[in-house]
Amino acid sequence: RRMFPTFQVKIFGMDPMADYMLLMDFVPVDDKRYRQVTLYAFHSSSWLVAGKADPATPGRVHYHPDSPAKGAQWMKQIVSFDKLKLTNNLLDDNGHIILNSMHRYQPRFHVVYVDPRKDSEKYAEENFKTFVFEETRFTAVTAYQNHRITQLKIASNPFAKGFRDCDPEDW
């Protein structure tokens, strides 16, 4: 499934004429598995620790499909990772990011300078920068147990229009 909401970033400070690659990966926030507890009487829910985390999934990286591109191109508009797809299928062979359901993850955004020098491998440690936005942490789920969250996602997610039973004007 495509990640929703989509990760978007506005970039400044690149060399307009240099080439850069943009990519994302996801790292576990902790070593716990969670479960959602919903209190219907109070219309609230919370996440509780349900045990130790499952074994780590294969680490994968998602390259932005426009990579590599000039700094000028990256800086001229908001960069959207709308093609990024997540799965919980350990046997996935489509290159999607594999996550364990009911585990918490931190997305990381990486900018890699494409060094034109012949000995660029010597400078590999200097040619990238990683950005972490803590507000993007999330719990990977395959099904929502809270009806209000389900309705919010259906109303907000452009890929869920088949689930809507009202006129788009009412969203």
N, C-alpha and C. Protein backbone atom coordinates (compact mmCIF):
# COMPACT_ATOMS: atom_id res chain seq x y z
N ARG A 1 0.83 -1.18 0.00
CA ARG A 1 0.00 0.00 0.00
C ARG A 1 0.87 1.24 0.00
N ARG A 2 0.35 2.28 -0.62
CA ARG A 2 1.06 3.56 -0.57
C ARG A 2 0.98 4.12 0.84
N MET A 3 2.08 4.73 1.24
CA MET A 3 2.11 5.32 2.57
C MET A 3 1.19 6.53 2.60
N PHE A 4 0.38 6.61 3.65
CA PHE A 4 -0.52 7.75 3.81
C PHE A 4 -0.50 8.19 5.26
N PRO A 5 -0.36 9.46 5.57
CA PRO A 5 -0.17 10.53 4.59
C PRO A 5 1.20 10.45 3.93
N THR A 6 1.30 11.05 2.77
CA THR A 6 2.52 11.05 1.98
C THR A 6 3.59 11.92 2.65
N PHE A 7 4.83 11.45 2.62
CA PHE A 7 5.95 12.25 3.13
C PHE A 7 6.30 13.29 2.08
N GLN A 8 6.29 14.57 2.49
CA GLN A 8 6.63 15.66 1.59
C GLN A 8 7.63 16.58 2.30
N VAL A 9 8.54 17.15 1.51
CA VAL A 9 9.57 18.00 2.09
C VAL A 9 9.91 19.13 1.12
N LYS A 10 10.21 20.30 1.68
CA LYS A 10 10.69 21.44 0.89
C LYS A 10 12.17 21.56 1.18
N ILE A 11 12.99 21.62 0.14
CA ILE A 11 14.45 21.59 0.29
C ILE A 11 15.05 22.94 -0.08
N PHE A 12 16.04 23.36 0.73
CA PHE A 12 16.79 24.59 0.50
C PHE A 12 18.28 24.28 0.64
N GLY A 13 19.12 25.15 0.07
CA GLY A 13 20.54 25.09 0.33
C GLY A 13 21.36 24.13 -0.49
N MET A 14 20.80 23.56 -1.53
CA MET A 14 21.58 22.67 -2.40
C MET A 14 22.34 23.49 -3.44
N ASP A 15 23.40 22.92 -3.96
CA ASP A 15 24.09 23.51 -5.11
C ASP A 15 23.16 23.27 -6.31
N PRO A 16 22.67 24.33 -6.95
CA PRO A 16 21.70 24.15 -8.04
C PRO A 16 22.20 23.29 -9.20
N MET A 17 23.53 23.28 -9.43
CA MET A 17 24.09 22.55 -10.57
C MET A 17 24.57 21.14 -10.23
N ALA A 18 24.59 20.80 -8.95
CA ALA A 18 25.07 19.47 -8.53
C ALA A 18 23.93 18.46 -8.57
N ASP A 19 24.31 17.19 -8.71
CA ASP A 19 23.32 16.11 -8.69
C ASP A 19 23.17 15.56 -7.27
N TYR A 20 21.92 15.23 -6.94
CA TYR A 20 21.60 14.66 -5.64
C TYR A 20 20.61 13.52 -5.81
N MET A 21 20.71 12.57 -4.91
CA MET A 21 19.72 11.49 -4.84
C MET A 21 18.98 11.66 -3.51
N LEU A 22 17.66 11.47 -3.54
CA LEU A 22 16.84 11.55 -2.34
C LEU A 22 16.28 10.17 -2.05
N LEU A 23 16.35 9.75 -0.80
CA LEU A 23 15.85 8.44 -0.44
C LEU A 23 15.30 8.43 0.98
N MET A 24 14.55 7.40 1.27
CA MET A 24 13.97 7.23 2.60
C MET A 24 14.16 5.79 3.05
N ASP A 25 14.29 5.64 4.38
CA ASP A 25 14.23 4.32 4.99
C ASP A 25 13.46 4.46 6.30
N PHE A 26 13.22 3.34 6.94
CA PHE A 26 12.42 3.32 8.16
C PHE A 26 13.14 2.47 9.19
N VAL A 27 13.26 2.99 10.41
CA VAL A 27 13.92 2.25 11.47
C VAL A 27 12.94 2.07 12.63
N PRO A 28 13.05 0.94 13.34
CA PRO A 28 12.16 0.73 14.50
C PRO A 28 12.44 1.80 15.57
N VAL A 29 11.38 2.23 16.22
CA VAL A 29 11.50 3.21 17.30
C VAL A 29 11.97 2.53 18.57
N ASP A 30 11.53 1.28 18.78
CA ASP A 30 11.87 0.55 20.00
C ASP A 30 11.82 -0.95 19.72
N ASP A 31 11.93 -1.75 20.76
CA ASP A 31 11.91 -3.21 20.59
C ASP A 31 10.61 -3.81 21.13
N LYS A 32 9.50 -3.11 20.87
CA LYS A 32 8.19 -3.54 21.39
C LYS A 32 7.19 -3.78 20.28
N ARG A 33 6.23 -4.61 20.59
CA ARG A 33 5.06 -4.84 19.74
C ARG A 33 3.89 -4.19 20.48
N TYR A 34 2.96 -3.62 19.74
CA TYR A 34 1.85 -2.89 20.36
C TYR A 34 0.50 -3.51 20.00
N ARG A 35 -0.48 -3.13 20.79
CA ARG A 35 -1.86 -3.46 20.44
C ARG A 35 -2.70 -2.25 20.77
N GLN A 36 -3.79 -2.11 20.03
CA GLN A 36 -4.65 -0.96 20.23
C GLN A 36 -5.81 -1.36 21.11
N VAL A 37 -6.06 -0.58 22.13
CA VAL A 37 -7.18 -0.82 23.03
C VAL A 37 -8.17 0.32 22.83
N THR A 38 -9.40 -0.04 22.49
CA THR A 38 -10.42 0.97 22.25
C THR A 38 -11.48 0.88 23.32
N LEU A 39 -11.80 2.01 23.91
CA LEU A 39 -12.85 2.10 24.90
C LEU A 39 -14.04 2.76 24.22
N TYR A 40 -14.95 1.94 23.70
CA TYR A 40 -16.06 2.48 22.92
C TYR A 40 -16.95 3.41 23.72
N ALA A 41 -17.12 3.13 25.01
CA ALA A 41 -17.97 3.98 25.83
C ALA A 41 -17.45 5.41 25.88
N PHE A 42 -16.12 5.56 25.78
CA PHE A 42 -15.53 6.90 25.87
C PHE A 42 -15.00 7.39 24.53
N HIS A 43 -15.20 6.61 23.47
CA HIS A 43 -14.74 6.97 22.12
C HIS A 43 -13.26 7.33 22.10
N SER A 44 -12.47 6.56 22.81
CA SER A 44 -11.04 6.82 22.81
C SER A 44 -10.30 5.51 22.66
N SER A 45 -9.05 5.62 22.27
CA SER A 45 -8.24 4.42 22.15
C SER A 45 -6.81 4.78 22.51
N SER A 46 -6.03 3.75 22.80
CA SER A 46 -4.63 3.98 23.13
C SER A 46 -3.83 2.75 22.71
N TRP A 47 -2.53 2.94 22.63
CA TRP A 47 -1.63 1.86 22.26
C TRP A 47 -0.96 1.34 23.52
N LEU A 48 -1.01 0.03 23.70
CA LEU A 48 -0.38 -0.62 24.84
C LEU A 48 0.70 -1.57 24.35
N VAL A 49 1.77 -1.71 25.13
CA VAL A 49 2.81 -2.67 24.78
C VAL A 49 2.23 -4.07 24.91
N ALA A 50 2.43 -4.88 23.88
CA ALA A 50 1.87 -6.24 23.86
C ALA A 50 2.98 -7.29 23.87
N GLY A 51 4.21 -6.87 24.08
CA GLY A 51 5.30 -7.83 24.13
C GLY A 51 6.52 -7.33 23.38
N LYS A 52 7.47 -8.24 23.24
CA LYS A 52 8.72 -7.93 22.55
C LYS A 52 8.49 -7.88 21.05
N ALA A 53 9.27 -7.06 20.38
CA ALA A 53 9.14 -6.90 18.93
C ALA A 53 9.43 -8.20 18.19
N ASP A 54 8.82 -8.33 17.03
CA ASP A 54 9.13 -9.45 16.13
C ASP A 54 10.53 -9.23 15.56
N PRO A 55 11.13 -10.26 15.01
CA PRO A 55 12.46 -10.07 14.39
C PRO A 55 12.41 -8.96 13.35
N ALA A 56 13.49 -8.22 13.25
CA ALA A 56 13.56 -7.09 12.32
C ALA A 56 13.32 -7.54 10.89
N THR A 57 12.65 -6.70 10.14
CA THR A 57 12.39 -6.98 8.72
C THR A 57 13.62 -6.57 7.92
N PRO A 58 13.74 -7.06 6.68
CA PRO A 58 14.90 -6.68 5.86
C PRO A 58 14.93 -5.16 5.67
N GLY A 59 16.09 -4.57 5.90
CA GLY A 59 16.23 -3.13 5.72
C GLY A 59 16.20 -2.78 4.25
N ARG A 60 15.28 -1.94 3.86
CA ARG A 60 15.19 -1.51 2.47
C ARG A 60 15.16 0.01 2.41
N VAL A 61 15.55 0.51 1.26
CA VAL A 61 15.60 1.94 1.02
C VAL A 61 14.71 2.24 -0.19
N HIS A 62 14.00 3.36 -0.12
CA HIS A 62 13.18 3.81 -1.25
C HIS A 62 13.84 5.05 -1.86
N TYR A 63 14.28 4.92 -3.11
CA TYR A 63 14.86 6.04 -3.84
C TYR A 63 13.74 6.82 -4.50
N HIS A 64 13.77 8.14 -4.36
CA HIS A 64 12.78 8.95 -5.06
C HIS A 64 12.94 8.68 -6.54
N PRO A 65 11.84 8.47 -7.27
CA PRO A 65 11.95 8.08 -8.69
C PRO A 65 12.63 9.11 -9.58
N ASP A 66 12.73 10.37 -9.15
CA ASP A 66 13.41 11.38 -9.96
C ASP A 66 14.91 11.43 -9.69
N SER A 67 15.40 10.60 -8.79
CA SER A 67 16.84 10.58 -8.44
C SER A 67 17.64 9.88 -9.51
N PRO A 68 18.85 10.37 -9.79
CA PRO A 68 19.42 11.63 -9.33
C PRO A 68 18.89 12.80 -10.16
N ALA A 69 18.94 13.99 -9.55
CA ALA A 69 18.50 15.21 -10.24
C ALA A 69 19.31 16.39 -9.70
N LYS A 70 19.31 17.45 -10.45
CA LYS A 70 20.04 18.66 -10.06
C LYS A 70 19.39 19.30 -8.83
N GLY A 71 20.23 19.95 -8.03
CA GLY A 71 19.73 20.66 -6.86
C GLY A 71 18.64 21.66 -7.21
N ALA A 72 18.79 22.31 -8.36
CA ALA A 72 17.79 23.30 -8.80
C ALA A 72 16.41 22.65 -8.94
N GLN A 73 16.37 21.43 -9.48
CA GLN A 73 15.09 20.74 -9.65
C GLN A 73 14.48 20.40 -8.29
N TRP A 74 15.28 19.87 -7.36
CA TRP A 74 14.76 19.50 -6.04
C TRP A 74 14.24 20.72 -5.27
N MET A 75 14.90 21.86 -5.43
CA MET A 75 14.54 23.04 -4.64
C MET A 75 13.38 23.84 -5.21
N LYS A 76 12.99 23.60 -6.46
CA LYS A 76 11.97 24.46 -7.07
C LYS A 76 10.55 24.18 -6.61
N GLN A 77 10.33 23.03 -5.98
CA GLN A 77 8.97 22.71 -5.52
C GLN A 77 9.03 21.69 -4.39
N ILE A 78 7.90 21.43 -3.78
CA ILE A 78 7.83 20.43 -2.71
C ILE A 78 8.11 19.06 -3.32
N VAL A 79 8.97 18.29 -2.65
CA VAL A 79 9.29 16.93 -3.09
C VAL A 79 8.37 15.98 -2.35
N SER A 80 7.67 15.13 -3.10
CA SER A 80 6.69 14.21 -2.53
C SER A 80 7.12 12.77 -2.77
N PHE A 81 7.06 11.98 -1.73
CA PHE A 81 7.36 10.55 -1.84
C PHE A 81 6.05 9.78 -1.99
N ASP A 82 5.23 10.18 -2.98
CA ASP A 82 3.91 9.59 -3.14
C ASP A 82 3.93 8.21 -3.80
N LYS A 83 5.07 7.77 -4.29
CA LYS A 83 5.16 6.43 -4.89
C LYS A 83 5.64 5.38 -3.89
N LEU A 84 6.06 5.83 -2.70
CA LEU A 84 6.59 4.92 -1.68
C LEU A 84 5.49 3.96 -1.22
N LYS A 85 5.80 2.67 -1.23
CA LYS A 85 4.81 1.66 -0.81
C LYS A 85 5.35 0.85 0.35
N LEU A 86 4.45 0.52 1.27
CA LEU A 86 4.77 -0.27 2.46
C LEU A 86 4.06 -1.61 2.37
N THR A 87 4.66 -2.63 2.97
CA THR A 87 4.04 -3.95 3.02
C THR A 87 4.46 -4.65 4.30
N ASN A 88 3.69 -5.65 4.68
CA ASN A 88 4.11 -6.51 5.80
C ASN A 88 4.46 -7.91 5.27
N ASN A 89 4.55 -8.04 3.95
CA ASN A 89 4.85 -9.31 3.31
C ASN A 89 6.37 -9.51 3.27
N LEU A 90 6.87 -10.41 4.10
CA LEU A 90 8.32 -10.66 4.16
C LEU A 90 8.87 -11.23 2.86
N LEU A 91 8.01 -11.79 2.02
CA LEU A 91 8.45 -12.37 0.74
C LEU A 91 8.31 -11.40 -0.42
N ASP A 92 8.03 -10.14 -0.13
CA ASP A 92 7.83 -9.13 -1.17
C ASP A 92 9.05 -9.06 -2.09
N ASP A 93 8.79 -9.11 -3.40
CA ASP A 93 9.88 -8.98 -4.36
C ASP A 93 9.67 -7.78 -5.28
N ASN A 94 8.83 -6.83 -4.82
CA ASN A 94 8.56 -5.62 -5.60
C ASN A 94 9.35 -4.42 -5.12
N GLY A 95 10.20 -4.60 -4.12
CA GLY A 95 11.01 -3.50 -3.63
C GLY A 95 10.32 -2.60 -2.64
N HIS A 96 9.12 -2.99 -2.17
CA HIS A 96 8.41 -2.17 -1.19
C HIS A 96 9.15 -2.22 0.15
N ILE A 97 8.92 -1.22 0.97
CA ILE A 97 9.48 -1.19 2.32
C ILE A 97 8.70 -2.18 3.17
N ILE A 98 9.40 -3.12 3.80
CA ILE A 98 8.74 -4.15 4.62
C ILE A 98 8.77 -3.72 6.08
N LEU A 99 7.58 -3.67 6.69
CA LEU A 99 7.43 -3.30 8.09
C LEU A 99 6.64 -4.38 8.83
N ASN A 100 6.91 -4.54 10.11
CA ASN A 100 6.11 -5.42 10.94
C ASN A 100 4.87 -4.67 11.42
N SER A 101 3.71 -5.26 11.23
CA SER A 101 2.49 -4.64 11.71
C SER A 101 2.52 -4.56 13.23
N MET A 102 1.92 -3.50 13.76
CA MET A 102 1.82 -3.25 15.21
C MET A 102 3.17 -2.93 15.84
N HIS A 103 4.08 -2.39 15.06
CA HIS A 103 5.38 -1.92 15.54
C HIS A 103 5.52 -0.45 15.19
N ARG A 104 6.29 0.29 15.96
CA ARG A 104 6.48 1.73 15.74
C ARG A 104 7.75 1.99 14.92
N TYR A 105 7.63 2.93 13.97
CA TYR A 105 8.74 3.23 13.07
C TYR A 105 8.99 4.73 12.97
N GLN A 106 10.25 5.03 12.67
CA GLN A 106 10.68 6.40 12.42
C GLN A 106 11.17 6.49 10.97
N PRO A 107 10.46 7.23 10.12
CA PRO A 107 10.98 7.46 8.76
C PRO A 107 12.23 8.35 8.83
N ARG A 108 13.18 8.06 7.94
CA ARG A 108 14.38 8.90 7.82
C ARG A 108 14.51 9.32 6.36
N PHE A 109 14.86 10.58 6.18
CA PHE A 109 15.01 11.18 4.86
C PHE A 109 16.50 11.44 4.63
N HIS A 110 17.02 10.97 3.51
CA HIS A 110 18.45 11.09 3.22
C HIS A 110 18.65 11.87 1.92
N VAL A 111 19.62 12.79 1.95
CA VAL A 111 20.05 13.52 0.77
C VAL A 111 21.48 13.09 0.49
N VAL A 112 21.71 12.57 -0.71
CA VAL A 112 23.05 12.08 -1.08
C VAL A 112 23.56 12.91 -2.25
N TYR A 113 24.71 13.54 -2.02
CA TYR A 113 25.39 14.30 -3.08
C TYR A 113 26.08 13.31 -4.00
N VAL A 114 25.81 13.41 -5.30
CA VAL A 114 26.45 12.54 -6.28
C VAL A 114 27.78 13.19 -6.64
N ASP A 115 28.83 12.68 -6.02
CA ASP A 115 30.17 13.25 -6.15
C ASP A 115 30.77 12.84 -7.50
N PRO A 116 31.11 13.83 -8.34
CA PRO A 116 31.65 13.50 -9.68
C PRO A 116 33.12 13.08 -9.68
N ARG A 117 33.82 13.21 -8.55
CA ARG A 117 35.25 12.87 -8.52
C ARG A 117 35.46 11.37 -8.68
N LYS A 118 36.57 11.00 -9.31
CA LYS A 118 36.86 9.58 -9.54
C LYS A 118 37.06 8.82 -8.24
N ASP A 119 37.58 9.47 -7.22
CA ASP A 119 37.83 8.82 -5.93
C ASP A 119 36.74 9.19 -4.91
N SER A 120 35.50 9.32 -5.39
CA SER A 120 34.40 9.79 -4.55
C SER A 120 34.13 8.88 -3.35
N GLU A 121 34.50 7.60 -3.46
CA GLU A 121 34.26 6.68 -2.32
C GLU A 121 35.03 7.13 -1.08
N LYS A 122 36.13 7.86 -1.26
CA LYS A 122 36.91 8.37 -0.11
C LYS A 122 36.09 9.38 0.70
N TYR A 123 35.14 10.02 0.02
CA TYR A 123 34.37 11.09 0.64
C TYR A 123 32.94 10.67 0.97
N ALA A 124 32.69 9.39 0.93
CA ALA A 124 31.32 8.89 1.13
C ALA A 124 30.71 9.38 2.43
N GLU A 125 31.50 9.46 3.49
CA GLU A 125 30.99 9.90 4.80
C GLU A 125 30.54 11.36 4.78
N GLU A 126 31.10 12.14 3.87
CA GLU A 126 30.77 13.57 3.80
C GLU A 126 29.65 13.87 2.81
N ASN A 127 29.31 12.92 1.97
CA ASN A 127 28.43 13.20 0.84
C ASN A 127 26.96 12.90 1.08
N PHE A 128 26.55 12.78 2.33
CA PHE A 128 25.13 12.58 2.58
C PHE A 128 24.74 13.25 3.88
N LYS A 129 23.45 13.52 4.00
CA LYS A 129 22.89 14.11 5.22
C LYS A 129 21.57 13.40 5.48
N THR A 130 21.34 13.01 6.73
CA THR A 130 20.11 12.34 7.12
C THR A 130 19.28 13.29 7.97
N PHE A 131 17.98 13.32 7.69
CA PHE A 131 17.05 14.16 8.44
C PHE A 131 15.98 13.27 9.08
N VAL A 132 15.74 13.52 10.36
CA VAL A 132 14.71 12.78 11.09
C VAL A 132 13.73 13.79 11.67
N PHE A 133 12.46 13.60 11.37
CA PHE A 133 11.39 14.44 11.89
C PHE A 133 10.57 13.58 12.85
N GLU A 134 10.75 13.80 14.15
CA GLU A 134 10.11 12.92 15.13
C GLU A 134 8.60 12.90 15.02
N GLU A 135 8.01 13.98 14.51
CA GLU A 135 6.54 14.02 14.37
C GLU A 135 6.03 13.07 13.29
N THR A 136 6.93 12.44 12.52
CA THR A 136 6.50 11.49 11.50
C THR A 136 6.49 10.05 12.00
N ARG A 137 6.82 9.81 13.27
CA ARG A 137 6.76 8.45 13.82
C ARG A 137 5.34 7.90 13.71
N PHE A 138 5.24 6.60 13.48
CA PHE A 138 3.92 6.01 13.35
C PHE A 138 3.96 4.53 13.75
N THR A 139 2.77 4.00 13.99
CA THR A 139 2.61 2.57 14.24
C THR A 139 2.07 1.95 12.96
N ALA A 140 2.77 0.95 12.45
CA ALA A 140 2.33 0.27 11.23
C ALA A 140 1.16 -0.65 11.57
N VAL A 141 0.07 -0.51 10.84
CA VAL A 141 -1.12 -1.34 11.08
C VAL A 141 -1.63 -1.88 9.75
N THR A 142 -2.33 -3.00 9.83
CA THR A 142 -2.96 -3.55 8.63
C THR A 142 -4.46 -3.31 8.64
N ALA A 143 -5.03 -3.07 9.82
CA ALA A 143 -6.46 -2.78 9.93
C ALA A 143 -6.67 -1.91 11.17
N TYR A 144 -7.50 -0.89 11.03
CA TYR A 144 -7.78 -0.03 12.17
C TYR A 144 -8.87 -0.65 13.03
N GLN A 145 -8.71 -0.56 14.34
CA GLN A 145 -9.70 -1.10 15.25
C GLN A 145 -10.60 -0.01 15.80
N ASN A 146 -10.36 1.22 15.43
CA ASN A 146 -11.15 2.34 15.88
C ASN A 146 -11.94 2.85 14.68
N HIS A 147 -13.26 2.79 14.75
CA HIS A 147 -14.12 3.17 13.63
C HIS A 147 -13.89 4.62 13.21
N ARG A 148 -13.64 5.51 14.17
CA ARG A 148 -13.45 6.92 13.85
C ARG A 148 -12.16 7.13 13.04
N ILE A 149 -11.11 6.37 13.35
CA ILE A 149 -9.87 6.47 12.58
C ILE A 149 -10.09 5.94 11.17
N THR A 150 -10.83 4.84 11.06
CA THR A 150 -11.14 4.27 9.74
C THR A 150 -11.86 5.31 8.89
N GLN A 151 -12.87 5.97 9.46
CA GLN A 151 -13.64 6.96 8.71
C GLN A 151 -12.78 8.16 8.32
N LEU A 152 -11.89 8.59 9.24
CA LEU A 152 -11.00 9.70 8.94
C LEU A 152 -10.09 9.36 7.77
N LYS A 153 -9.54 8.15 7.77
CA LYS A 153 -8.63 7.76 6.68
C LYS A 153 -9.39 7.66 5.36
N ILE A 154 -10.58 7.09 5.37
CA ILE A 154 -11.37 6.98 4.14
C ILE A 154 -11.69 8.37 3.59
N ALA A 155 -12.01 9.30 4.48
CA ALA A 155 -12.37 10.65 4.04
C ALA A 155 -11.15 11.42 3.54
N SER A 156 -9.96 11.13 4.08
CA SER A 156 -8.77 11.93 3.78
C SER A 156 -7.85 11.31 2.74
N ASN A 157 -7.89 10.02 2.57
CA ASN A 157 -6.94 9.33 1.71
C ASN A 157 -7.44 9.30 0.27
N PRO A 158 -6.71 9.90 -0.66
CA PRO A 158 -7.16 9.89 -2.05
C PRO A 158 -7.21 8.49 -2.66
N PHE A 159 -6.54 7.51 -2.04
CA PHE A 159 -6.53 6.15 -2.59
C PHE A 159 -7.66 5.31 -2.02
N ALA A 160 -8.51 5.88 -1.16
CA ALA A 160 -9.59 5.13 -0.52
C ALA A 160 -10.96 5.53 -1.07
N LYS A 161 -11.02 6.15 -2.24
CA LYS A 161 -12.29 6.66 -2.74
C LYS A 161 -13.33 5.57 -2.98
N GLY A 162 -12.91 4.34 -3.19
CA GLY A 162 -13.86 3.24 -3.38
C GLY A 162 -14.66 2.92 -2.13
N PHE A 163 -14.19 3.38 -0.97
CA PHE A 163 -14.88 3.11 0.29
C PHE A 163 -15.86 4.22 0.66
N ARG A 164 -15.85 5.32 -0.07
CA ARG A 164 -16.70 6.46 0.28
C ARG A 164 -18.11 6.23 -0.22
N ASP A 165 -19.07 6.57 0.63
CA ASP A 165 -20.48 6.39 0.26
C ASP A 165 -21.21 7.73 0.21
N CYS A 166 -20.45 8.81 -0.04
CA CYS A 166 -21.08 10.12 -0.11
C CYS A 166 -20.50 10.92 -1.28
N ASP A 167 -21.11 12.04 -1.54
CA ASP A 167 -20.65 12.95 -2.59
C ASP A 167 -19.33 13.60 -2.18
N PRO A 168 -18.36 13.75 -3.09
CA PRO A 168 -17.09 14.39 -2.74
C PRO A 168 -17.26 15.77 -2.11
N GLU A 169 -18.36 16.47 -2.43
CA GLU A 169 -18.59 17.79 -1.85
C GLU A 169 -18.80 17.72 -0.34
N ASP A 170 -19.21 16.55 0.17
CA ASP A 170 -19.49 16.38 1.61
C ASP A 170 -18.27 16.01 2.41
N TRP A 171 -17.10 15.77 1.77
CA TRP A 171 -15.94 15.33 2.51
C TRP A 171 -15.53 16.41 3.44
